[in-house]
N, C-alpha and C. Protein backbone atom coordinates (compact mmCIF):
# COMPACT_ATOMS: atom_id res chain seq x y z
N MET A 1 -11.05 39.28 23.87
CA MET A 1 -12.19 38.72 23.16
C MET A 1 -12.80 39.77 22.24
N MET A 2 -13.37 39.32 21.11
CA MET A 2 -14.01 40.25 20.20
C MET A 2 -15.31 40.75 20.75
N ASN A 3 -15.65 42.00 20.46
CA ASN A 3 -16.90 42.59 20.90
C ASN A 3 -18.07 41.90 20.20
N GLU A 4 -19.06 41.45 20.96
CA GLU A 4 -20.19 40.74 20.37
C GLU A 4 -21.01 41.64 19.45
N ASN A 5 -20.89 42.98 19.64
CA ASN A 5 -21.62 43.89 18.78
C ASN A 5 -21.01 44.00 17.40
N ASN A 6 -19.87 43.38 17.23
CA ASN A 6 -19.19 43.45 15.93
C ASN A 6 -19.45 42.20 15.12
N ASN A 7 -20.68 41.65 15.23
CA ASN A 7 -21.01 40.41 14.55
C ASN A 7 -21.07 40.55 13.05
N SER A 8 -21.10 41.77 12.55
CA SER A 8 -21.13 41.95 11.10
C SER A 8 -19.84 41.46 10.47
N GLN A 9 -18.78 41.39 11.29
CA GLN A 9 -17.55 40.81 10.80
C GLN A 9 -17.67 39.30 10.90
N ASN A 10 -17.79 38.61 9.77
CA ASN A 10 -18.10 37.18 9.78
C ASN A 10 -16.92 36.37 10.27
N ASN A 11 -17.21 35.11 10.60
CA ASN A 11 -16.19 34.24 11.18
C ASN A 11 -15.00 34.05 10.26
N SER A 12 -15.23 34.02 8.94
CA SER A 12 -14.13 33.81 8.03
C SER A 12 -13.17 34.98 8.01
N GLN A 13 -13.66 36.17 8.46
CA GLN A 13 -12.81 37.34 8.53
C GLN A 13 -12.29 37.58 9.94
N LYS A 14 -12.56 36.66 10.85
CA LYS A 14 -12.20 36.86 12.26
C LYS A 14 -10.71 37.07 12.43
N ASP A 15 -10.38 38.02 13.27
CA ASP A 15 -8.97 38.33 13.52
C ASP A 15 -8.40 37.39 14.57
N PHE A 16 -7.51 36.49 14.11
CA PHE A 16 -6.92 35.53 15.01
C PHE A 16 -5.55 36.02 15.52
N SER A 17 -5.28 37.33 15.34
CA SER A 17 -4.00 37.85 15.79
C SER A 17 -3.90 37.81 17.31
N ASN A 18 -5.07 37.81 17.99
CA ASN A 18 -5.06 37.66 19.45
C ASN A 18 -4.52 36.28 19.79
N TYR A 19 -3.43 36.27 20.55
CA TYR A 19 -2.72 35.01 20.79
C TYR A 19 -3.60 33.95 21.45
N LYS A 20 -4.37 34.35 22.46
CA LYS A 20 -5.16 33.38 23.20
C LYS A 20 -6.29 32.82 22.33
N GLU A 21 -6.82 33.64 21.40
CA GLU A 21 -7.85 33.13 20.50
C GLU A 21 -7.27 32.20 19.47
N SER A 22 -6.03 32.46 19.06
CA SER A 22 -5.43 31.68 18.00
C SER A 22 -4.91 30.32 18.48
N GLN A 23 -4.49 30.23 19.75
CA GLN A 23 -3.96 28.98 20.28
C GLN A 23 -5.13 28.06 20.70
N ILE A 24 -5.24 26.90 20.05
CA ILE A 24 -6.34 26.00 20.37
C ILE A 24 -5.88 24.81 21.23
N LEU A 25 -4.58 24.61 21.34
CA LEU A 25 -4.08 23.47 22.13
C LEU A 25 -2.62 23.70 22.48
N ARG A 26 -2.27 23.30 23.69
CA ARG A 26 -0.87 23.36 24.12
C ARG A 26 -0.57 22.06 24.86
N ILE A 27 0.58 21.46 24.53
CA ILE A 27 1.05 20.24 25.19
C ILE A 27 2.43 20.53 25.74
N ASP A 28 2.61 20.33 27.04
CA ASP A 28 3.87 20.67 27.69
C ASP A 28 4.76 19.46 27.95
N GLY A 29 6.06 19.69 27.81
CA GLY A 29 7.06 18.71 28.21
C GLY A 29 8.06 19.40 29.13
N LYS A 30 9.18 18.76 29.39
CA LYS A 30 10.21 19.36 30.25
C LYS A 30 10.98 20.40 29.48
N ASN A 31 10.82 21.66 29.84
CA ASN A 31 11.48 22.78 29.18
C ASN A 31 11.16 22.86 27.69
N CYS A 32 10.00 22.36 27.33
CA CYS A 32 9.56 22.43 25.94
C CYS A 32 8.03 22.33 25.88
N PHE A 33 7.47 22.74 24.79
CA PHE A 33 6.03 22.58 24.59
C PHE A 33 5.71 22.71 23.11
N LEU A 34 4.53 22.28 22.75
CA LEU A 34 4.03 22.53 21.40
C LEU A 34 2.67 23.20 21.53
N GLU A 35 2.37 24.03 20.56
CA GLU A 35 1.08 24.69 20.52
C GLU A 35 0.53 24.62 19.12
N VAL A 36 -0.79 24.51 19.03
CA VAL A 36 -1.46 24.48 17.73
C VAL A 36 -2.17 25.81 17.56
N MET A 37 -1.91 26.48 16.43
CA MET A 37 -2.44 27.82 16.19
C MET A 37 -3.33 27.79 14.94
N ILE A 38 -4.35 28.65 14.94
CA ILE A 38 -5.28 28.68 13.81
C ILE A 38 -5.30 30.01 13.07
N GLN A 39 -4.30 30.87 13.32
CA GLN A 39 -4.31 32.17 12.65
C GLN A 39 -4.00 32.05 11.16
N SER A 40 -3.49 30.88 10.72
CA SER A 40 -3.15 30.69 9.31
C SER A 40 -4.22 29.94 8.54
N LEU A 41 -5.40 29.74 9.15
CA LEU A 41 -6.48 29.06 8.44
C LEU A 41 -6.91 29.83 7.20
N ASN A 42 -6.78 31.16 7.25
CA ASN A 42 -7.19 31.95 6.10
C ASN A 42 -6.28 31.76 4.89
N ILE A 43 -5.14 31.12 5.08
CA ILE A 43 -4.28 30.76 3.95
C ILE A 43 -4.24 29.24 3.79
N GLY A 44 -5.21 28.56 4.43
CA GLY A 44 -5.36 27.13 4.24
C GLY A 44 -4.40 26.25 5.01
N LYS A 45 -3.93 26.74 6.18
CA LYS A 45 -2.95 25.98 6.92
C LYS A 45 -3.23 25.98 8.42
N ILE A 46 -2.80 24.89 9.06
CA ILE A 46 -2.75 24.79 10.52
C ILE A 46 -1.28 24.95 10.92
N GLN A 47 -1.03 25.73 11.95
CA GLN A 47 0.34 25.97 12.40
C GLN A 47 0.63 25.24 13.68
N ILE A 48 1.74 24.49 13.70
CA ILE A 48 2.20 23.83 14.90
C ILE A 48 3.55 24.44 15.29
N ASN A 49 3.61 25.05 16.44
CA ASN A 49 4.87 25.61 16.95
C ASN A 49 5.46 24.68 17.99
N LEU A 50 6.72 24.31 17.80
CA LEU A 50 7.45 23.53 18.79
C LEU A 50 8.48 24.46 19.42
N MET A 51 8.50 24.53 20.75
CA MET A 51 9.32 25.51 21.47
C MET A 51 10.21 24.86 22.52
N LYS A 52 11.38 25.42 22.70
CA LYS A 52 12.23 25.13 23.87
C LYS A 52 12.37 26.42 24.66
N TYR A 53 12.44 26.29 25.99
CA TYR A 53 12.59 27.48 26.80
C TYR A 53 13.52 27.23 27.98
N ASP A 54 14.01 28.34 28.53
CA ASP A 54 14.94 28.29 29.67
C ASP A 54 14.33 29.12 30.79
N THR A 55 13.94 28.46 31.89
CA THR A 55 13.30 29.16 32.99
C THR A 55 14.26 30.08 33.75
N ASN A 56 15.56 29.95 33.49
CA ASN A 56 16.53 30.81 34.15
C ASN A 56 16.63 32.20 33.50
N LYS A 57 16.07 32.30 32.30
CA LYS A 57 16.08 33.59 31.60
C LYS A 57 14.94 34.47 32.11
N GLN A 58 15.02 35.76 31.76
CA GLN A 58 14.01 36.71 32.20
C GLN A 58 12.67 36.41 31.53
N LYS A 59 11.59 36.74 32.20
CA LYS A 59 10.25 36.55 31.66
C LYS A 59 10.13 37.28 30.33
N ASN A 60 9.40 36.66 29.39
CA ASN A 60 9.22 37.16 28.01
C ASN A 60 10.48 37.01 27.16
N SER A 61 11.53 36.40 27.71
CA SER A 61 12.75 36.15 26.93
C SER A 61 13.23 34.72 27.13
N ARG A 62 12.32 33.84 27.49
CA ARG A 62 12.71 32.48 27.87
C ARG A 62 12.75 31.49 26.70
N ILE A 63 12.10 31.83 25.58
CA ILE A 63 12.12 30.95 24.42
C ILE A 63 13.51 30.91 23.82
N THR A 64 14.12 29.74 23.74
CA THR A 64 15.46 29.61 23.18
C THR A 64 15.45 29.08 21.76
N ASP A 65 14.49 28.26 21.41
CA ASP A 65 14.36 27.71 20.07
C ASP A 65 12.89 27.58 19.69
N LYS A 66 12.64 27.80 18.41
CA LYS A 66 11.26 27.66 17.91
C LYS A 66 11.28 27.12 16.49
N ILE A 67 10.40 26.16 16.23
CA ILE A 67 10.21 25.64 14.87
C ILE A 67 8.71 25.73 14.57
N ALA A 68 8.40 26.44 13.53
CA ALA A 68 7.00 26.59 13.09
C ALA A 68 6.74 25.65 11.92
N ILE A 69 5.76 24.77 12.08
CA ILE A 69 5.39 23.81 11.04
C ILE A 69 4.00 24.20 10.52
N TYR A 70 3.86 24.22 9.20
CA TYR A 70 2.57 24.54 8.59
C TYR A 70 2.04 23.34 7.84
N LEU A 71 0.86 22.88 8.23
CA LEU A 71 0.20 21.76 7.57
C LEU A 71 -0.94 22.28 6.71
N ASP A 72 -0.95 21.92 5.43
CA ASP A 72 -2.08 22.24 4.58
C ASP A 72 -3.33 21.57 5.15
N ILE A 73 -4.47 22.21 4.99
CA ILE A 73 -5.71 21.67 5.56
C ILE A 73 -5.96 20.22 5.16
N PRO A 74 -5.81 19.82 3.88
CA PRO A 74 -6.03 18.41 3.55
C PRO A 74 -5.10 17.46 4.30
N LYS A 75 -3.83 17.85 4.45
CA LYS A 75 -2.88 17.00 5.18
C LYS A 75 -3.24 16.95 6.67
N ALA A 76 -3.64 18.09 7.21
CA ALA A 76 -4.03 18.12 8.62
C ALA A 76 -5.27 17.25 8.86
N LYS A 77 -6.23 17.33 7.97
CA LYS A 77 -7.44 16.50 8.09
C LYS A 77 -7.09 15.01 7.99
N SER A 78 -6.20 14.70 7.07
CA SER A 78 -5.79 13.30 6.87
C SER A 78 -5.07 12.78 8.12
N LEU A 79 -4.22 13.61 8.71
CA LEU A 79 -3.52 13.20 9.93
C LEU A 79 -4.51 12.99 11.06
N CYS A 80 -5.47 13.88 11.20
CA CYS A 80 -6.50 13.73 12.26
C CYS A 80 -7.26 12.42 12.07
N ASN A 81 -7.60 12.11 10.83
CA ASN A 81 -8.35 10.87 10.54
C ASN A 81 -7.50 9.65 10.90
N ASP A 82 -6.19 9.71 10.57
CA ASP A 82 -5.32 8.58 10.89
C ASP A 82 -5.16 8.38 12.39
N ILE A 83 -5.21 9.47 13.14
CA ILE A 83 -5.11 9.37 14.60
C ILE A 83 -6.40 8.83 15.19
N LEU A 84 -7.53 9.42 14.79
CA LEU A 84 -8.81 9.04 15.39
C LEU A 84 -9.29 7.66 14.95
N SER A 85 -8.83 7.22 13.78
CA SER A 85 -9.20 5.86 13.32
C SER A 85 -8.38 4.79 14.01
N GLY A 86 -7.32 5.21 14.70
CA GLY A 86 -6.45 4.27 15.39
C GLY A 86 -5.24 3.87 14.58
N ARG A 87 -5.11 4.35 13.35
CA ARG A 87 -3.99 3.96 12.50
C ARG A 87 -2.65 4.42 13.08
N ILE A 88 -2.55 5.68 13.47
CA ILE A 88 -1.28 6.19 14.02
C ILE A 88 -0.95 5.49 15.34
N PRO A 89 -1.88 5.38 16.29
CA PRO A 89 -1.57 4.64 17.54
C PRO A 89 -1.12 3.21 17.26
N LYS A 90 -1.72 2.56 16.26
CA LYS A 90 -1.36 1.18 15.93
C LYS A 90 0.07 1.13 15.39
N LEU A 91 0.42 2.07 14.51
CA LEU A 91 1.78 2.12 13.96
C LEU A 91 2.79 2.37 15.08
N ILE A 92 2.43 3.20 16.04
CA ILE A 92 3.31 3.47 17.19
C ILE A 92 3.54 2.17 17.97
N GLN A 93 2.46 1.45 18.23
CA GLN A 93 2.55 0.20 19.00
C GLN A 93 3.38 -0.84 18.26
N LEU A 94 3.19 -0.96 16.97
CA LEU A 94 3.96 -1.92 16.17
C LEU A 94 5.44 -1.61 16.19
N GLU A 95 5.77 -0.32 16.09
CA GLU A 95 7.19 0.07 16.12
C GLU A 95 7.80 -0.21 17.49
N LYS A 96 7.04 0.00 18.55
CA LYS A 96 7.55 -0.30 19.90
C LYS A 96 7.76 -1.81 20.07
N GLU A 97 6.87 -2.61 19.49
CA GLU A 97 7.04 -4.06 19.53
C GLU A 97 8.27 -4.50 18.77
N ARG A 98 8.53 -3.84 17.63
CA ARG A 98 9.72 -4.17 16.84
C ARG A 98 10.98 -3.89 17.65
N ILE A 99 11.01 -2.75 18.33
CA ILE A 99 12.17 -2.40 19.14
C ILE A 99 12.36 -3.39 20.28
N GLU A 100 11.26 -3.76 20.91
CA GLU A 100 11.33 -4.72 22.02
C GLU A 100 11.87 -6.06 21.56
N ASN A 101 11.39 -6.54 20.41
CA ASN A 101 11.85 -7.82 19.88
C ASN A 101 13.32 -7.77 19.46
N GLN A 102 13.74 -6.65 18.85
CA GLN A 102 15.13 -6.51 18.43
C GLN A 102 16.05 -6.46 19.66
N THR A 103 15.59 -5.79 20.71
CA THR A 103 16.39 -5.67 21.91
C THR A 103 16.53 -7.02 22.62
N LYS A 104 15.47 -7.83 22.58
CA LYS A 104 15.54 -9.16 23.19
C LYS A 104 16.53 -10.04 22.47
N LYS A 105 16.59 -9.89 21.13
CA LYS A 105 17.51 -10.72 20.35
C LYS A 105 18.96 -10.33 20.60
N ASN A 106 19.20 -9.03 20.77
CA ASN A 106 20.56 -8.54 20.98
C ASN A 106 20.55 -7.37 21.96
N PRO A 107 20.55 -7.66 23.26
CA PRO A 107 20.45 -6.61 24.28
C PRO A 107 21.56 -5.57 24.20
N ALA A 108 22.71 -5.95 23.65
CA ALA A 108 23.85 -5.01 23.58
C ALA A 108 23.67 -3.99 22.45
N ASN A 109 22.78 -4.30 21.53
CA ASN A 109 22.57 -3.42 20.38
C ASN A 109 21.46 -2.42 20.68
N LYS A 110 21.81 -1.15 20.68
CA LYS A 110 20.81 -0.10 20.97
C LYS A 110 19.94 0.13 19.74
N VAL A 111 18.63 -0.02 19.92
CA VAL A 111 17.68 0.15 18.83
C VAL A 111 16.84 1.39 19.08
N TYR A 112 16.76 2.24 18.08
CA TYR A 112 15.99 3.47 18.21
C TYR A 112 14.72 3.40 17.36
N PRO A 113 13.65 4.03 17.79
CA PRO A 113 12.40 4.00 17.04
C PRO A 113 12.49 4.78 15.72
N LYS A 114 11.80 4.27 14.73
CA LYS A 114 11.73 4.96 13.45
C LYS A 114 10.48 5.84 13.39
N SER A 115 10.57 6.88 12.63
CA SER A 115 9.43 7.78 12.47
C SER A 115 8.29 7.04 11.78
N ILE A 116 7.06 7.31 12.23
CA ILE A 116 5.91 6.69 11.58
C ILE A 116 5.06 7.71 10.83
N TYR A 117 5.48 8.99 10.88
CA TYR A 117 4.78 10.04 10.15
C TYR A 117 5.77 11.19 9.91
N ASP A 118 5.85 11.65 8.64
CA ASP A 118 6.76 12.73 8.30
C ASP A 118 6.08 13.74 7.38
N ILE A 119 6.35 15.00 7.63
CA ILE A 119 5.93 16.08 6.73
C ILE A 119 7.17 16.93 6.45
N PHE A 120 7.47 17.15 5.16
CA PHE A 120 8.64 17.94 4.78
C PHE A 120 8.20 19.27 4.19
N GLY A 121 8.84 20.33 4.63
CA GLY A 121 8.52 21.65 4.11
C GLY A 121 9.71 22.56 4.30
N GLY A 122 9.47 23.87 4.21
CA GLY A 122 10.55 24.80 4.40
C GLY A 122 10.38 26.09 3.63
N THR A 123 11.45 26.83 3.48
CA THR A 123 11.42 28.12 2.79
C THR A 123 12.50 28.10 1.70
N SER A 124 12.12 28.46 0.49
CA SER A 124 13.04 28.43 -0.64
C SER A 124 14.06 29.56 -0.54
N THR A 125 15.15 29.43 -1.29
CA THR A 125 16.19 30.47 -1.30
C THR A 125 15.63 31.79 -1.84
N GLN A 126 14.74 31.69 -2.82
CA GLN A 126 14.14 32.92 -3.36
C GLN A 126 13.29 33.64 -2.32
N ARG A 127 12.50 32.86 -1.59
CA ARG A 127 11.65 33.44 -0.56
C ARG A 127 12.49 34.02 0.58
N LEU A 128 13.57 33.34 0.95
CA LEU A 128 14.46 33.84 1.99
C LEU A 128 15.07 35.18 1.57
N ALA A 129 15.46 35.28 0.28
CA ALA A 129 16.06 36.51 -0.21
C ALA A 129 15.04 37.65 -0.17
N GLN A 130 13.80 37.35 -0.52
CA GLN A 130 12.74 38.36 -0.48
C GLN A 130 12.51 38.87 0.94
N GLN A 131 12.70 37.98 1.91
CA GLN A 131 12.50 38.33 3.32
C GLN A 131 13.75 38.92 3.96
N GLY A 132 14.83 38.99 3.19
CA GLY A 132 16.10 39.45 3.74
C GLY A 132 16.70 38.50 4.75
N LYS A 133 16.42 37.19 4.58
CA LYS A 133 16.87 36.19 5.55
C LYS A 133 17.69 35.08 4.90
N SER A 134 18.40 35.39 3.81
CA SER A 134 19.18 34.37 3.11
C SER A 134 20.23 33.77 4.04
N ARG A 135 20.42 32.46 3.90
CA ARG A 135 21.44 31.75 4.69
C ARG A 135 22.82 32.06 4.13
N SER A 136 23.83 32.04 4.98
CA SER A 136 25.20 32.30 4.55
C SER A 136 25.72 31.22 3.61
N ASP A 137 25.17 29.99 3.73
CA ASP A 137 25.60 28.88 2.86
C ASP A 137 24.80 28.82 1.57
N GLY A 138 23.84 29.73 1.39
CA GLY A 138 23.06 29.77 0.15
C GLY A 138 22.00 28.68 0.03
N LYS A 139 21.78 27.95 1.11
CA LYS A 139 20.80 26.85 1.09
C LYS A 139 19.40 27.35 1.43
N ALA A 140 18.42 26.52 1.09
CA ALA A 140 17.04 26.75 1.53
C ALA A 140 16.96 26.36 3.01
N VAL A 141 15.84 26.71 3.64
CA VAL A 141 15.59 26.30 5.02
C VAL A 141 14.64 25.10 5.00
N SER A 142 15.06 24.02 5.60
CA SER A 142 14.23 22.81 5.68
C SER A 142 13.56 22.73 7.03
N ARG A 143 12.27 22.38 7.03
CA ARG A 143 11.53 22.12 8.26
C ARG A 143 10.87 20.76 8.13
N VAL A 144 11.09 19.93 9.12
CA VAL A 144 10.52 18.56 9.11
C VAL A 144 9.71 18.36 10.37
N PHE A 145 8.53 17.81 10.20
CA PHE A 145 7.68 17.43 11.34
C PHE A 145 7.53 15.93 11.33
N ARG A 146 7.78 15.30 12.47
CA ARG A 146 7.69 13.85 12.58
C ARG A 146 6.90 13.45 13.82
N ILE A 147 6.28 12.29 13.72
CA ILE A 147 5.74 11.62 14.91
C ILE A 147 6.53 10.35 15.09
N ILE A 148 7.16 10.22 16.25
CA ILE A 148 8.04 9.09 16.53
C ILE A 148 7.60 8.39 17.81
N PRO A 149 7.53 7.07 17.83
CA PRO A 149 7.23 6.38 19.07
C PRO A 149 8.23 6.75 20.16
N GLY A 150 7.76 7.00 21.36
CA GLY A 150 8.65 7.41 22.44
C GLY A 150 9.27 6.22 23.18
N MET A 151 10.45 6.44 23.73
CA MET A 151 11.08 5.41 24.54
C MET A 151 10.42 5.33 25.92
N LYS A 152 9.99 6.51 26.42
CA LYS A 152 9.30 6.58 27.71
C LYS A 152 7.86 7.06 27.52
N ALA A 153 7.68 8.09 26.73
CA ALA A 153 6.34 8.60 26.43
C ALA A 153 5.69 7.72 25.36
N ASP A 154 4.37 7.90 25.16
CA ASP A 154 3.69 7.13 24.11
C ASP A 154 4.28 7.47 22.75
N CYS A 155 4.47 8.77 22.49
CA CYS A 155 5.08 9.19 21.25
C CYS A 155 5.68 10.57 21.43
N MET A 156 6.42 11.00 20.39
CA MET A 156 7.05 12.32 20.41
C MET A 156 6.64 13.08 19.15
N PHE A 157 6.27 14.34 19.33
CA PHE A 157 6.13 15.24 18.20
C PHE A 157 7.49 15.92 18.03
N CYS A 158 8.08 15.77 16.87
CA CYS A 158 9.45 16.24 16.64
C CYS A 158 9.51 17.24 15.50
N GLY A 159 10.30 18.27 15.72
CA GLY A 159 10.56 19.25 14.67
C GLY A 159 12.06 19.33 14.43
N GLU A 160 12.44 19.49 13.15
CA GLU A 160 13.85 19.65 12.79
C GLU A 160 13.96 20.82 11.82
N LEU A 161 14.92 21.69 12.08
CA LEU A 161 15.15 22.84 11.21
C LEU A 161 16.61 22.90 10.84
N GLY A 162 16.88 23.13 9.55
CA GLY A 162 18.27 23.19 9.10
C GLY A 162 18.34 23.49 7.62
N PRO A 163 19.53 23.32 7.03
CA PRO A 163 19.68 23.59 5.60
C PRO A 163 18.97 22.53 4.76
N GLY A 164 18.51 22.94 3.60
CA GLY A 164 17.83 22.02 2.70
C GLY A 164 18.18 22.29 1.24
N ASN A 165 17.95 21.29 0.42
CA ASN A 165 18.17 21.42 -1.02
C ASN A 165 16.82 21.46 -1.74
N GLU A 166 16.69 22.37 -2.69
CA GLU A 166 15.47 22.47 -3.48
C GLU A 166 15.50 21.48 -4.63
N THR A 167 14.41 20.79 -4.85
CA THR A 167 14.30 19.85 -5.94
C THR A 167 13.75 20.55 -7.19
N SER A 168 13.74 19.84 -8.30
CA SER A 168 13.23 20.43 -9.55
C SER A 168 11.76 20.74 -9.48
N THR A 169 11.05 20.09 -8.55
CA THR A 169 9.61 20.33 -8.40
C THR A 169 9.30 21.44 -7.38
N GLY A 170 10.35 21.99 -6.76
CA GLY A 170 10.15 23.05 -5.78
C GLY A 170 10.08 22.55 -4.35
N ALA A 171 10.12 21.25 -4.15
CA ALA A 171 10.13 20.72 -2.79
C ALA A 171 11.49 20.97 -2.13
N ILE A 172 11.50 20.93 -0.81
CA ILE A 172 12.75 21.16 -0.07
C ILE A 172 13.07 19.90 0.74
N GLN A 173 14.24 19.33 0.44
CA GLN A 173 14.66 18.12 1.13
C GLN A 173 15.73 18.46 2.16
N PRO A 174 15.59 17.96 3.38
CA PRO A 174 16.60 18.23 4.40
C PRO A 174 17.93 17.56 4.07
N ILE A 175 19.01 18.20 4.42
CA ILE A 175 20.33 17.58 4.29
C ILE A 175 20.53 16.66 5.50
N ILE A 176 20.75 15.41 5.23
CA ILE A 176 20.79 14.38 6.30
C ILE A 176 21.84 14.71 7.35
N ASN A 177 21.42 14.59 8.60
CA ASN A 177 22.30 14.80 9.77
C ASN A 177 22.84 16.23 9.88
N LYS A 178 22.14 17.17 9.28
CA LYS A 178 22.58 18.57 9.33
C LYS A 178 21.58 19.49 10.05
N ALA A 179 20.61 18.90 10.72
CA ALA A 179 19.62 19.74 11.42
C ALA A 179 20.32 20.61 12.45
N GLU A 180 19.97 21.89 12.46
CA GLU A 180 20.58 22.84 13.38
C GLU A 180 19.76 23.00 14.67
N ILE A 181 18.48 22.76 14.57
CA ILE A 181 17.61 22.80 15.74
C ILE A 181 16.73 21.55 15.72
N LYS A 182 16.66 20.88 16.85
CA LYS A 182 15.76 19.73 17.02
C LYS A 182 14.95 19.94 18.31
N ILE A 183 13.67 19.77 18.21
CA ILE A 183 12.79 19.89 19.37
C ILE A 183 11.88 18.68 19.41
N GLN A 184 11.82 18.01 20.55
CA GLN A 184 10.96 16.85 20.74
C GLN A 184 10.08 17.08 21.94
N VAL A 185 8.78 16.94 21.74
CA VAL A 185 7.81 17.12 22.81
C VAL A 185 7.08 15.79 23.04
N PRO A 186 7.13 15.27 24.28
CA PRO A 186 6.42 14.01 24.56
C PRO A 186 4.93 14.19 24.53
N VAL A 187 4.25 13.21 23.93
CA VAL A 187 2.79 13.29 23.77
C VAL A 187 2.17 11.95 24.17
N THR A 188 1.21 11.98 25.06
CA THR A 188 0.47 10.77 25.45
C THR A 188 -0.58 10.43 24.39
N PHE A 189 -1.09 9.22 24.42
CA PHE A 189 -2.16 8.86 23.49
C PHE A 189 -3.39 9.73 23.69
N GLU A 190 -3.64 10.09 24.95
CA GLU A 190 -4.79 10.95 25.24
C GLU A 190 -4.59 12.34 24.62
N SER A 191 -3.39 12.89 24.75
CA SER A 191 -3.11 14.20 24.16
C SER A 191 -3.11 14.13 22.64
N LEU A 192 -2.67 12.99 22.12
CA LEU A 192 -2.70 12.78 20.66
C LEU A 192 -4.12 12.86 20.15
N LYS A 193 -5.03 12.22 20.87
CA LYS A 193 -6.44 12.26 20.49
C LYS A 193 -7.01 13.68 20.61
N GLU A 194 -6.64 14.38 21.68
CA GLU A 194 -7.09 15.76 21.86
C GLU A 194 -6.59 16.65 20.72
N PHE A 195 -5.34 16.43 20.32
CA PHE A 195 -4.78 17.16 19.19
C PHE A 195 -5.64 16.98 17.95
N ALA A 196 -5.94 15.72 17.62
CA ALA A 196 -6.72 15.42 16.43
C ALA A 196 -8.13 16.02 16.51
N LEU A 197 -8.76 15.90 17.65
CA LEU A 197 -10.13 16.41 17.83
C LEU A 197 -10.17 17.92 17.68
N MET A 198 -9.24 18.62 18.32
CA MET A 198 -9.22 20.09 18.27
C MET A 198 -8.91 20.60 16.86
N VAL A 199 -7.93 20.00 16.21
CA VAL A 199 -7.59 20.44 14.85
C VAL A 199 -8.74 20.18 13.90
N ASP A 200 -9.31 18.98 13.96
CA ASP A 200 -10.42 18.64 13.06
C ASP A 200 -11.63 19.54 13.30
N MET A 201 -11.96 19.76 14.56
CA MET A 201 -13.11 20.59 14.89
C MET A 201 -12.93 22.02 14.39
N ASN A 202 -11.77 22.60 14.56
CA ASN A 202 -11.53 23.97 14.14
C ASN A 202 -11.47 24.11 12.63
N ILE A 203 -10.93 23.14 11.96
CA ILE A 203 -10.96 23.17 10.48
C ILE A 203 -12.38 23.09 9.97
N ASN A 204 -13.17 22.18 10.55
CA ASN A 204 -14.57 22.04 10.13
C ASN A 204 -15.35 23.32 10.38
N ALA A 205 -15.13 23.95 11.54
CA ALA A 205 -15.84 25.18 11.88
C ALA A 205 -15.46 26.29 10.89
N TYR A 206 -14.19 26.40 10.58
CA TYR A 206 -13.74 27.43 9.65
C TYR A 206 -14.32 27.22 8.25
N CYS A 207 -14.27 25.97 7.77
CA CYS A 207 -14.80 25.69 6.43
C CYS A 207 -16.31 25.91 6.38
N THR A 208 -17.02 25.55 7.45
CA THR A 208 -18.46 25.79 7.49
C THR A 208 -18.75 27.28 7.44
N ALA A 209 -17.98 28.06 8.18
CA ALA A 209 -18.16 29.51 8.17
C ALA A 209 -17.89 30.07 6.79
N GLN A 210 -16.88 29.57 6.10
CA GLN A 210 -16.57 30.03 4.76
C GLN A 210 -17.71 29.77 3.80
N HIS A 211 -18.26 28.56 3.86
CA HIS A 211 -19.37 28.20 2.97
C HIS A 211 -20.62 29.02 3.29
N THR A 212 -20.85 29.25 4.59
CA THR A 212 -22.03 30.03 5.00
C THR A 212 -21.94 31.46 4.50
N VAL A 213 -20.77 32.06 4.66
CA VAL A 213 -20.57 33.44 4.20
C VAL A 213 -20.72 33.53 2.68
N ARG A 214 -20.14 32.56 1.99
CA ARG A 214 -20.24 32.56 0.51
C ARG A 214 -21.69 32.45 0.06
N ALA A 215 -22.46 31.58 0.71
CA ALA A 215 -23.88 31.43 0.37
C ALA A 215 -24.66 32.70 0.66
N PHE A 216 -24.34 33.34 1.81
CA PHE A 216 -25.01 34.59 2.18
C PHE A 216 -24.71 35.69 1.17
N GLU A 217 -23.45 35.78 0.73
CA GLU A 217 -23.06 36.81 -0.23
C GLU A 217 -23.74 36.59 -1.58
N GLU A 218 -23.88 35.33 -1.99
CA GLU A 218 -24.56 35.03 -3.25
C GLU A 218 -26.02 35.44 -3.19
N LYS A 219 -26.68 35.17 -2.05
CA LYS A 219 -28.08 35.55 -1.88
C LYS A 219 -28.23 37.07 -1.85
N ARG A 220 -27.29 37.74 -1.20
CA ARG A 220 -27.35 39.19 -1.09
C ARG A 220 -27.19 39.85 -2.47
N LYS A 221 -26.24 39.31 -3.26
CA LYS A 221 -26.03 39.86 -4.61
C LYS A 221 -27.24 39.61 -5.50
N ALA A 222 -27.82 38.40 -5.37
CA ALA A 222 -29.02 38.07 -6.17
C ALA A 222 -30.18 39.00 -5.79
N LYS A 223 -30.32 39.28 -4.50
CA LYS A 223 -31.41 40.15 -4.03
C LYS A 223 -31.21 41.58 -4.54
N ASN A 224 -29.97 42.05 -4.58
CA ASN A 224 -29.69 43.40 -5.04
C ASN A 224 -29.97 43.58 -6.53
N LYS A 225 -29.90 42.49 -7.27
CA LYS A 225 -30.16 42.55 -8.72
C LYS A 225 -31.65 42.62 -9.03
N GLN A 226 -32.48 42.25 -8.07
CA GLN A 226 -33.93 42.25 -8.29
C GLN A 226 -34.47 43.66 -8.41
């Protein structure tokens, strides 16, 4: 925890490098979990890490796969609003009803749920080269975040990582059926609501702190000019 005597360091400058301070939510599944991190708020993003782990491995070496998803603050706020307004839960329910109806019509035909929310992102070839992490196939890295109705759980938070193609606008599109890592974490409707509340609350707190500091600095500068 930060020393309370160090209050001169304002909230907008707060060091979120401390793991426990940065993690605002964790949702666990079987040998997998997702965590929401706020250390990237200073660059305008919420970070969602999806992890797979192996309990047979040594402690501190159990993570086998990780996908880091970055949501811009406006997109994160919009997602929270869609969850809390009931829009996302309703879309999940409608998709489950579609699957149920299709299965009743043709029980032999396996029907899988469609994604009801997608975010596409990744790392460009130029950025990979700068980081010394260029892929051997020369492709960009695609990262996809999806919310999919669950077959057993209420829904699944899904991450996909693999090769991607860069578009003329700089966007990165995943190459279909080429994902190299897939992680799915089951999420209940209650946890979905908790996710939205925690993300929204922390974004609001950060933005309020930013505005407060900016107003304080303007007053301080004006006072110094007198």
